[in-house]
Structures are given as C-alpha cells and as structure tokens.
C-alpha cells in the first residue's frame, strides 16, 4: 500500500514556492517541446545543496511527466487520485 504524499518530507520540501512554480513552468515547456518533437530538452534545477542539469529526449517523456506530477503535488495543484469505489451486491 502506498503512503500518502507528504509535502513536508518529499524531495522538494524546503524549496520556495516561487522556485517550484518556475521549475514547473520549465518542465511543462520541456514536455510540450518533447511531445511536439521540437528538440532535445535540457532542464536545470537546484535541489538540496547543489544544482543539477538533466537532458531529456523523446524517449524520456515519462520522466518529464513524473517531474511535472511531483512539482504539482508539492505545490498542491493536484491531489493523488483516490482508489476506485467498489460496489458489492450481497
């Protein structure tokens, strides 16, 4: 069973909201560029005590989607989907 998302303990905890929003905008633009086949994308961001740069290609769209989802969760834009409701007829 998955533990619920906790923004206080996520890898993005402690990052200022403005920085998270800027990172989200960059990641979303990277996703659009990859989907359209425009180009290979370089994304840079700071995490913890250092900065990091990642290069994404068409094959790594799923990685960009996961980054976007993580940023959205941290910002409280989206919530985790709840489990489906099952109806049992007895």
PDB file of N, CA and C in Angstrom:
ATOM      1  N   UNK A   1       0.835  -1.174   0.000  1.00  0.00           N
ATOM      2  CA  UNK A   1       0.000   0.000   0.000  1.00  0.00           C
ATOM      3  C   UNK A   1       0.884   1.243   0.000  1.00  0.00           C
ATOM      4  N   UNK A   2       0.528   2.204  -0.814  1.00  0.00           N
ATOM      5  CA  UNK A   2       1.288   3.437  -0.919  1.00  0.00           C
ATOM      6  C   UNK A   2       1.004   4.360   0.248  1.00  0.00           C
ATOM      7  N   UNK A   3       2.058   5.011   0.721  1.00  0.00           N
ATOM      8  CA  UNK A   3       1.865   6.017   1.759  1.00  0.00           C
ATOM      9  C   UNK A   3       1.353   7.293   1.116  1.00  0.00           C
ATOM     10  N   UNK A   4       0.541   8.055   1.823  1.00  0.00           N
ATOM     11  CA  UNK A   4       0.046   9.305   1.263  1.00  0.00           C
ATOM     12  C   UNK A   4       1.190  10.296   1.055  1.00  0.00           C
ATOM     13  N   UNK A   5       1.034  11.152   0.064  1.00  0.00           N
ATOM     14  CA  UNK A   5       2.048  12.151  -0.233  1.00  0.00           C
ATOM     15  C   UNK A   5       2.132  13.146   0.918  1.00  0.00           C
ATOM     16  N   UNK A   6       3.338  13.442   1.355  1.00  0.00           N
ATOM     17  CA  UNK A   6       3.556  14.408   2.421  1.00  0.00           C
ATOM     18  C   UNK A   6       4.537  15.464   1.925  1.00  0.00           C
ATOM     19  N   UNK A   7       4.079  16.700   1.648  1.00  0.00           N
ATOM     20  CA  UNK A   7       4.968  17.727   1.135  1.00  0.00           C
ATOM     21  C   UNK A   7       6.101  18.084   2.094  1.00  0.00           C
ATOM     22  N   UNK A   8       5.919  17.818   3.377  1.00  0.00           N
ATOM     23  CA  UNK A   8       6.956  18.147   4.351  1.00  0.00           C
ATOM     24  C   UNK A   8       8.145  17.194   4.290  1.00  0.00           C
ATOM     25  N   UNK A   9       7.938  16.006   3.725  1.00  0.00           N
ATOM     26  CA  UNK A   9       9.027  15.025   3.667  1.00  0.00           C
ATOM     27  C   UNK A   9       9.423  14.656   2.243  1.00  0.00           C
ATOM     28  N   UNK A  10       8.837  15.303   1.250  1.00  0.00           N
ATOM     29  CA  UNK A  10       9.180  14.977  -0.139  1.00  0.00           C
ATOM     30  C   UNK A  10      10.576  15.488  -0.470  1.00  0.00           C
ATOM     31  N   UNK A  11      11.091  15.054  -1.591  1.00  0.00           N
ATOM     32  CA  UNK A  11      12.411  15.511  -2.023  1.00  0.00           C
ATOM     33  C   UNK A  11      12.440  17.006  -2.322  1.00  0.00           C
ATOM     34  N   UNK A  12      11.287  17.595  -2.567  1.00  0.00           N
ATOM     35  CA  UNK A  12      11.204  19.014  -2.886  1.00  0.00           C
ATOM     36  C   UNK A  12      10.878  19.875  -1.669  1.00  0.00           C
ATOM     37  N   UNK A  13      10.811  19.281  -0.497  1.00  0.00           N
ATOM     38  CA  UNK A  13      10.496  20.017   0.731  1.00  0.00           C
ATOM     39  C   UNK A  13      11.551  21.100   0.976  1.00  0.00           C
ATOM     40  N   UNK A  14      11.097  22.254   1.411  1.00  0.00           N
ATOM     41  CA  UNK A  14      12.007  23.351   1.720  1.00  0.00           C
ATOM     42  C   UNK A  14      12.299  24.260   0.547  1.00  0.00           C
ATOM     43  N   UNK A  15      11.887  23.868  -0.624  1.00  0.00           N
ATOM     44  CA  UNK A  15      12.108  24.701  -1.816  1.00  0.00           C
ATOM     45  C   UNK A  15      11.058  25.798  -1.824  1.00  0.00           C
ATOM     46  N   UNK A  16      11.450  27.040  -2.051  1.00  0.00           N
ATOM     47  CA  UNK A  16      10.476  28.137  -2.065  1.00  0.00           C
ATOM     48  C   UNK A  16       9.404  27.934  -3.138  1.00  0.00           C
ATOM     49  N   UNK A  17       8.190  28.385  -2.840  1.00  0.00           N
ATOM     50  CA  UNK A  17       7.065  28.202  -3.753  1.00  0.00           C
ATOM     51  C   UNK A  17       7.339  28.841  -5.111  1.00  0.00           C
ATOM     52  N   UNK A  18       7.933  30.023  -5.117  1.00  0.00           N
ATOM     53  CA  UNK A  18       8.231  30.707  -6.385  1.00  0.00           C
ATOM     54  C   UNK A  18       9.194  29.885  -7.239  1.00  0.00           C
ATOM     55  N   UNK A  19      10.163  29.252  -6.595  1.00  0.00           N
ATOM     56  CA  UNK A  19      11.122  28.416  -7.328  1.00  0.00           C
ATOM     57  C   UNK A  19      10.434  27.171  -7.879  1.00  0.00           C
ATOM     58  N   UNK A  20       9.538  26.573  -7.085  1.00  0.00           N
ATOM     59  CA  UNK A  20       8.789  25.400  -7.550  1.00  0.00           C
ATOM     60  C   UNK A  20       7.914  25.758  -8.745  1.00  0.00           C
ATOM     61  N   UNK A  21       7.276  26.922  -8.691  1.00  0.00           N
ATOM     62  CA  UNK A  21       6.426  27.355  -9.805  1.00  0.00           C
ATOM     63  C   UNK A  21       7.256  27.590 -11.061  1.00  0.00           C
ATOM     64  N   UNK A  22       8.444  28.177 -10.904  1.00  0.00           N
ATOM     65  CA  UNK A  22       9.331  28.394 -12.052  1.00  0.00           C
ATOM     66  C   UNK A  22       9.799  27.056 -12.626  1.00  0.00           C
ATOM     67  N   UNK A  23      10.153  26.111 -11.739  1.00  0.00           N
ATOM     68  CA  UNK A  23      10.563  24.776 -12.187  1.00  0.00           C
ATOM     69  C   UNK A  23       9.431  24.088 -12.946  1.00  0.00           C
ATOM     70  N   UNK A  24       8.212  24.229 -12.447  1.00  0.00           N
ATOM     71  CA  UNK A  24       7.052  23.618 -13.091  1.00  0.00           C
ATOM     72  C   UNK A  24       6.848  24.188 -14.488  1.00  0.00           C
ATOM     73  N   UNK A  25       6.985  25.497 -14.634  1.00  0.00           N
ATOM     74  CA  UNK A  25       6.821  26.121 -15.950  1.00  0.00           C
ATOM     75  C   UNK A  25       7.871  25.602 -16.934  1.00  0.00           C
ATOM     76  N   UNK A  26       9.109  25.460 -16.466  1.00  0.00           N
ATOM     77  CA  UNK A  26      10.188  24.949 -17.324  1.00  0.00           C
ATOM     78  C   UNK A  26       9.910  23.496 -17.714  1.00  0.00           C
ATOM     79  N   UNK A  27       9.486  22.691 -16.743  1.00  0.00           N
ATOM     80  CA  UNK A  27       9.214  21.275 -17.022  1.00  0.00           C
ATOM     81  C   UNK A  27       8.034  21.118 -17.977  1.00  0.00           C
ATOM     82  N   UNK A  28       7.002  21.941 -17.805  1.00  0.00           N
ATOM     83  CA  UNK A  28       5.850  21.857 -18.698  1.00  0.00           C
ATOM     84  C   UNK A  28       6.232  22.271 -20.120  1.00  0.00           C
ATOM     85  N   UNK A  29       7.075  23.291 -20.251  1.00  0.00           N
ATOM     86  CA  UNK A  29       7.522  23.691 -21.583  1.00  0.00           C
ATOM     87  C   UNK A  29       8.380  22.589 -22.209  1.00  0.00           C
ATOM     88  N   UNK A  30       9.199  21.940 -21.403  1.00  0.00           N
ATOM     89  CA  UNK A  30      10.008  20.821 -21.893  1.00  0.00           C
ATOM     90  C   UNK A  30       9.107  19.696 -22.395  1.00  0.00           C
ATOM     91  N   UNK A  31       8.033  19.417 -21.658  1.00  0.00           N
ATOM     92  CA  UNK A  31       7.082  18.378 -22.055  1.00  0.00           C
ATOM     93  C   UNK A  31       6.433  18.728 -23.392  1.00  0.00           C
ATOM     94  N   UNK A  32       6.015  19.970 -23.545  1.00  0.00           N
ATOM     95  CA  UNK A  32       5.397  20.409 -24.801  1.00  0.00           C
ATOM     96  C   UNK A  32       6.385  20.281 -25.950  1.00  0.00           C
ATOM     97  N   UNK A  33       7.615  20.718 -25.727  1.00  0.00           N
ATOM     98  CA  UNK A  33       8.635  20.635 -26.782  1.00  0.00           C
ATOM     99  C   UNK A  33       8.941  19.189 -27.156  1.00  0.00           C
ATOM    100  N   UNK A  34       8.986  18.311 -26.162  1.00  0.00           N
ATOM    101  CA  UNK A  34       9.248  16.905 -26.456  1.00  0.00           C
ATOM    102  C   UNK A  34       8.087  16.269 -27.211  1.00  0.00           C
ATOM    103  N   UNK A  35       6.863  16.553 -26.768  1.00  0.00           N
ATOM    104  CA  UNK A  35       5.687  15.990 -27.427  1.00  0.00           C
ATOM    105  C   UNK A  35       5.590  16.441 -28.878  1.00  0.00           C
ATOM    106  N   UNK A  36       5.978  17.672 -29.131  1.00  0.00           N
ATOM    107  CA  UNK A  36       5.886  18.186 -30.494  1.00  0.00           C
ATOM    108  C   UNK A  36       7.093  17.786 -31.341  1.00  0.00           C
ATOM    109  N   UNK A  37       8.083  17.144 -30.704  1.00  0.00           N
ATOM    110  CA  UNK A  37       9.277  16.728 -31.432  1.00  0.00           C
ATOM    111  C   UNK A  37      10.189  17.882 -31.777  1.00  0.00           C
ATOM    112  N   UNK A  38      10.010  18.990 -31.089  1.00  0.00           N
ATOM    113  CA  UNK A  38      10.773  20.198 -31.398  1.00  0.00           C
ATOM    114  C   UNK A  38      12.271  20.018 -31.187  1.00  0.00           C
ATOM    115  N   UNK A  39      12.637  19.392 -30.064  1.00  0.00           N
ATOM    116  CA  UNK A  39      14.070  19.292 -29.783  1.00  0.00           C
ATOM    117  C   UNK A  39      14.338  18.459 -28.547  1.00  0.00           C
ATOM    118  N   UNK A  40      15.613  18.192 -28.321  1.00  0.00           N
ATOM    119  CA  UNK A  40      16.079  17.605 -27.079  1.00  0.00           C
ATOM    120  C   UNK A  40      16.057  18.726 -26.051  1.00  0.00           C
ATOM    121  N   UNK A  41      15.671  18.430 -24.838  1.00  0.00           N
ATOM    122  CA  UNK A  41      15.469  19.452 -23.821  1.00  0.00           C
ATOM    123  C   UNK A  41      16.481  19.309 -22.703  1.00  0.00           C
ATOM    124  N   UNK A  42      17.027  20.436 -22.253  1.00  0.00           N
ATOM    125  CA  UNK A  42      17.877  20.481 -21.071  1.00  0.00           C
ATOM    126  C   UNK A  42      17.104  21.214 -19.976  1.00  0.00           C
ATOM    127  N   UNK A  43      17.032  20.599 -18.801  1.00  0.00           N
ATOM    128  CA  UNK A  43      16.357  21.210 -17.659  1.00  0.00           C
ATOM    129  C   UNK A  43      17.357  21.305 -16.532  1.00  0.00           C
ATOM    130  N   UNK A  44      17.468  22.484 -15.928  1.00  0.00           N
ATOM    131  CA  UNK A  44      18.349  22.681 -14.787  1.00  0.00           C
ATOM    132  C   UNK A  44      17.507  23.077 -13.589  1.00  0.00           C
ATOM    133  N   UNK A  45      17.862  22.552 -12.433  1.00  0.00           N
ATOM    134  CA  UNK A  45      17.156  22.924 -11.210  1.00  0.00           C
ATOM    135  C   UNK A  45      18.089  22.729 -10.025  1.00  0.00           C
ATOM    136  N   UNK A  46      17.786  23.416  -8.943  1.00  0.00           N
ATOM    137  CA  UNK A  46      18.568  23.290  -7.721  1.00  0.00           C
ATOM    138  C   UNK A  46      17.812  22.395  -6.759  1.00  0.00           C
ATOM    139  N   UNK A  47      18.551  21.517  -6.109  1.00  0.00           N
ATOM    140  CA  UNK A  47      17.921  20.611  -5.157  1.00  0.00           C
ATOM    141  C   UNK A  47      18.898  20.390  -4.016  1.00  0.00           C
ATOM    142  N   UNK A  48      18.442  20.661  -2.837  1.00  0.00           N
ATOM    143  CA  UNK A  48      19.311  20.463  -1.684  1.00  0.00           C
ATOM    144  C   UNK A  48      20.494  21.405  -1.727  1.00  0.00           C
ATOM    145  N   UNK A  49      21.686  20.851  -1.686  1.00  0.00           N
ATOM    146  CA  UNK A  49      22.889  21.675  -1.599  1.00  0.00           C
ATOM    147  C   UNK A  49      23.536  21.970  -2.944  1.00  0.00           C
ATOM    148  N   UNK A  50      22.949  21.514  -4.030  1.00  0.00           N
ATOM    149  CA  UNK A  50      23.574  21.754  -5.324  1.00  0.00           C
ATOM    150  C   UNK A  50      22.571  21.856  -6.439  1.00  0.00           C
ATOM    151  N   UNK A  51      23.070  22.182  -7.605  1.00  0.00           N
ATOM    152  CA  UNK A  51      22.186  22.256  -8.764  1.00  0.00           C
ATOM    153  C   UNK A  51      22.435  21.046  -9.651  1.00  0.00           C
ATOM    154  N   UNK A  52      21.491  20.808 -10.534  1.00  0.00           N
ATOM    155  CA  UNK A  52      21.564  19.623 -11.375  1.00  0.00           C
ATOM    156  C   UNK A  52      21.009  19.959 -12.744  1.00  0.00           C
ATOM    157  N   UNK A  53      21.563  19.383 -13.761  1.00  0.00           N
ATOM    158  CA  UNK A  53      21.060  19.554 -15.120  1.00  0.00           C
ATOM    159  C   UNK A  53      20.747  18.172 -15.691  1.00  0.00           C
ATOM    160  N   UNK A  54      19.617  18.084 -16.369  1.00  0.00           N
ATOM    161  CA  UNK A  54      19.184  16.817 -16.953  1.00  0.00           C
ATOM    162  C   UNK A  54      18.823  17.067 -18.405  1.00  0.00           C
ATOM    163  N   UNK A  55      19.214  16.154 -19.284  1.00  0.00           N
ATOM    164  CA  UNK A  55      18.844  16.247 -20.688  1.00  0.00           C
ATOM    165  C   UNK A  55      17.790  15.185 -20.974  1.00  0.00           C
ATOM    166  N   UNK A  56      16.668  15.624 -21.531  1.00  0.00           N
ATOM    167  CA  UNK A  56      15.581  14.718 -21.870  1.00  0.00           C
ATOM    168  C   UNK A  56      15.486  14.576 -23.381  1.00  0.00           C
ATOM    169  N   UNK A  57      15.157  13.388 -23.810  1.00  0.00           N
ATOM    170  CA  UNK A  57      14.933  13.130 -25.230  1.00  0.00           C
ATOM    171  C   UNK A  57      13.506  12.620 -25.395  1.00  0.00           C
ATOM    172  N   UNK A  58      13.092  12.384 -26.610  1.00  0.00           N
ATOM    173  CA  UNK A  58      11.744  11.898 -26.883  1.00  0.00           C
ATOM    174  C   UNK A  58      11.426  10.636 -26.081  1.00  0.00           C
ATOM    175  N   UNK A  59      12.425   9.807 -25.864  1.00  0.00           N
ATOM    176  CA  UNK A  59      12.203   8.547 -25.160  1.00  0.00           C
ATOM    177  C   UNK A  59      11.937   8.740 -23.671  1.00  0.00           C
ATOM    178  N   UNK A  60      12.218   9.906 -23.123  1.00  0.00           N
ATOM    179  CA  UNK A  60      12.067  10.092 -21.683  1.00  0.00           C
ATOM    180  C   UNK A  60      10.905  11.017 -21.314  1.00  0.00           C
ATOM    181  N   UNK A  61       9.870  11.011 -22.126  1.00  0.00           N
ATOM    182  CA  UNK A  61       8.687  11.819 -21.829  1.00  0.00           C
ATOM    183  C   UNK A  61       8.085  11.406 -20.486  1.00  0.00           C
ATOM    184  N   UNK A  62       8.107  10.135 -20.175  1.00  0.00           N
ATOM    185  CA  UNK A  62       7.558   9.662 -18.899  1.00  0.00           C
ATOM    186  C   UNK A  62       8.300  10.286 -17.717  1.00  0.00           C
ATOM    187  N   UNK A  63       9.613  10.468 -17.850  1.00  0.00           N
ATOM    188  CA  UNK A  63      10.385  11.108 -16.783  1.00  0.00           C
ATOM    189  C   UNK A  63       9.951  12.555 -16.581  1.00  0.00           C
ATOM    190  N   UNK A  64       9.711  13.260 -17.668  1.00  0.00           N
ATOM    191  CA  UNK A  64       9.251  14.650 -17.578  1.00  0.00           C
ATOM    192  C   UNK A  64       7.863  14.692 -16.942  1.00  0.00           C
ATOM    193  N   UNK A  65       7.002  13.742 -17.310  1.00  0.00           N
ATOM    194  CA  UNK A  65       5.671  13.675 -16.713  1.00  0.00           C
ATOM    195  C   UNK A  65       5.762  13.449 -15.205  1.00  0.00           C
ATOM    196  N   UNK A  66       6.658  12.589 -14.770  1.00  0.00           N
ATOM    197  CA  UNK A  66       6.829  12.329 -13.342  1.00  0.00           C
ATOM    198  C   UNK A  66       7.344  13.569 -12.618  1.00  0.00           C
ATOM    199  N   UNK A  67       8.265  14.307 -13.240  1.00  0.00           N
ATOM    200  CA  UNK A  67       8.770  15.544 -12.649  1.00  0.00           C
ATOM    201  C   UNK A  67       7.641  16.556 -12.506  1.00  0.00           C
ATOM    202  N   UNK A  68       6.843  16.717 -13.547  1.00  0.00           N
ATOM    203  CA  UNK A  68       5.711  17.651 -13.505  1.00  0.00           C
ATOM    204  C   UNK A  68       4.746  17.242 -12.401  1.00  0.00           C
ATOM    205  N   UNK A  69       4.430  15.973 -12.317  1.00  0.00           N
ATOM    206  CA  UNK A  69       3.496  15.485 -11.290  1.00  0.00           C
ATOM    207  C   UNK A  69       4.039  15.740  -9.885  1.00  0.00           C
ATOM    208  N   UNK A  70       5.342  15.517  -9.688  1.00  0.00           N
ATOM    209  CA  UNK A  70       5.953  15.765  -8.382  1.00  0.00           C
ATOM    210  C   UNK A  70       5.864  17.235  -8.002  1.00  0.00           C
ATOM    211  N   UNK A  71       6.153  18.102  -8.953  1.00  0.00           N
ATOM    212  CA  UNK A  71       6.073  19.537  -8.688  1.00  0.00           C
ATOM    213  C   UNK A  71       4.634  19.963  -8.399  1.00  0.00           C
ATOM    214  N   UNK A  72       3.682  19.426  -9.162  1.00  0.00           N
ATOM    215  CA  UNK A  72       2.272  19.757  -8.933  1.00  0.00           C
ATOM    216  C   UNK A  72       1.810  19.283  -7.549  1.00  0.00           C
ATOM    217  N   UNK A  73       2.219  18.095  -7.155  1.00  0.00           N
ATOM    218  CA  UNK A  73       1.865  17.586  -5.838  1.00  0.00           C
ATOM    219  C   UNK A  73       2.450  18.470  -4.744  1.00  0.00           C
ATOM    220  N   UNK A  74       3.712  18.853  -4.897  1.00  0.00           N
ATOM    221  CA  UNK A  74       4.371  19.688  -3.897  1.00  0.00           C
ATOM    222  C   UNK A  74       3.684  21.043  -3.777  1.00  0.00           C
ATOM    223  N   UNK A  75       3.225  21.569  -4.906  1.00  0.00           N
ATOM    224  CA  UNK A  75       2.546  22.867  -4.899  1.00  0.00           C
ATOM    225  C   UNK A  75       1.078  22.753  -4.492  1.00  0.00           C
ATOM    226  N   UNK A  76       0.561  21.534  -4.391  1.00  0.00           N
ATOM    227  CA  UNK A  76      -0.837  21.346  -4.017  1.00  0.00           C
ATOM    228  C   UNK A  76      -1.800  21.587  -5.164  1.00  0.00           C
ATOM    229  N   UNK A  77      -1.298  21.569  -6.390  1.00  0.00           N
ATOM    230  CA  UNK A  77      -2.137  21.810  -7.569  1.00  0.00           C
ATOM    231  C   UNK A  77      -3.037  20.613  -7.839  1.00  0.00           C
ATOM    232  N   UNK A  78      -2.499  19.418  -7.695  1.00  0.00           N
ATOM    233  CA  UNK A  78      -3.284  18.202  -7.894  1.00  0.00           C
ATOM    234  C   UNK A  78      -3.124  17.324  -6.659  1.00  0.00           C
ATOM    235  N   UNK A  79      -4.078  16.500  -6.438  1.00  0.00           N
ATOM    236  CA  UNK A  79      -4.028  15.536  -5.337  1.00  0.00           C
ATOM    237  C   UNK A  79      -3.901  14.145  -5.942  1.00  0.00           C
ATOM    238  N   UNK A  80      -3.424  13.234  -5.164  1.00  0.00           N
ATOM    239  CA  UNK A  80      -3.371  11.847  -5.634  1.00  0.00           C
ATOM    240  C   UNK A  80      -4.785  11.360  -5.880  1.00  0.00           C
ATOM    241  N   UNK A  81      -4.944  10.604  -6.919  1.00  0.00           N
ATOM    242  CA  UNK A  81      -6.261  10.032  -7.210  1.00  0.00           C
ATOM    243  C   UNK A  81      -6.633   9.060  -6.099  1.00  0.00           C
ATOM    244  N   UNK A  82      -7.878   9.098  -5.716  1.00  0.00           N
ATOM    245  CA  UNK A  82      -8.288   8.154  -4.689  1.00  0.00           C
ATOM    246  C   UNK A  82      -8.628   6.818  -5.322  1.00  0.00           C
ATOM    247  N   UNK A  83      -8.666   5.815  -4.507  1.00  0.00           N
ATOM    248  CA  UNK A  83      -8.959   4.482  -5.002  1.00  0.00           C
ATOM    249  C   UNK A  83     -10.388   4.422  -5.509  1.00  0.00           C
ATOM    250  N   UNK A  84     -10.639   3.597  -6.504  1.00  0.00           N
ATOM    251  CA  UNK A  84     -11.998   3.496  -7.028  1.00  0.00           C
ATOM    252  C   UNK A  84     -12.966   2.946  -5.975  1.00  0.00           C
ATOM    253  N   UNK A  85     -14.170   3.424  -6.023  1.00  0.00           N
ATOM    254  CA  UNK A  85     -15.211   2.930  -5.119  1.00  0.00           C
ATOM    255  C   UNK A  85     -15.775   1.652  -5.739  1.00  0.00           C
ATOM    256  N   UNK A  86     -15.812   0.625  -4.956  1.00  0.00           N
ATOM    257  CA  UNK A  86     -16.328  -0.657  -5.439  1.00  0.00           C
ATOM    258  C   UNK A  86     -17.683  -0.931  -4.795  1.00  0.00           C
ATOM    259  N   UNK A  87     -18.600  -1.301  -5.610  1.00  0.00           N
ATOM    260  CA  UNK A  87     -19.936  -1.633  -5.124  1.00  0.00           C
ATOM    261  C   UNK A  87     -20.054  -3.148  -5.046  1.00  0.00           C
ATOM    262  N   UNK A  88     -20.479  -3.625  -3.894  1.00  0.00           N
ATOM    263  CA  UNK A  88     -20.622  -5.058  -3.698  1.00  0.00           C
ATOM    264  C   UNK A  88     -22.089  -5.357  -3.452  1.00  0.00           C
ATOM    265  N   UNK A  89     -22.652  -6.195  -4.282  1.00  0.00           N
ATOM    266  CA  UNK A  89     -24.037  -6.609  -4.115  1.00  0.00           C
ATOM    267  C   UNK A  89     -24.031  -7.948  -3.398  1.00  0.00           C
ATOM    268  N   UNK A  90     -24.734  -7.982  -2.291  1.00  0.00           N
ATOM    269  CA  UNK A  90     -24.695  -9.192  -1.492  1.00  0.00           C
ATOM    270  C   UNK A  90     -25.914  -9.922  -1.554  1.00  0.00           C
TER     271      UNK A  90
END
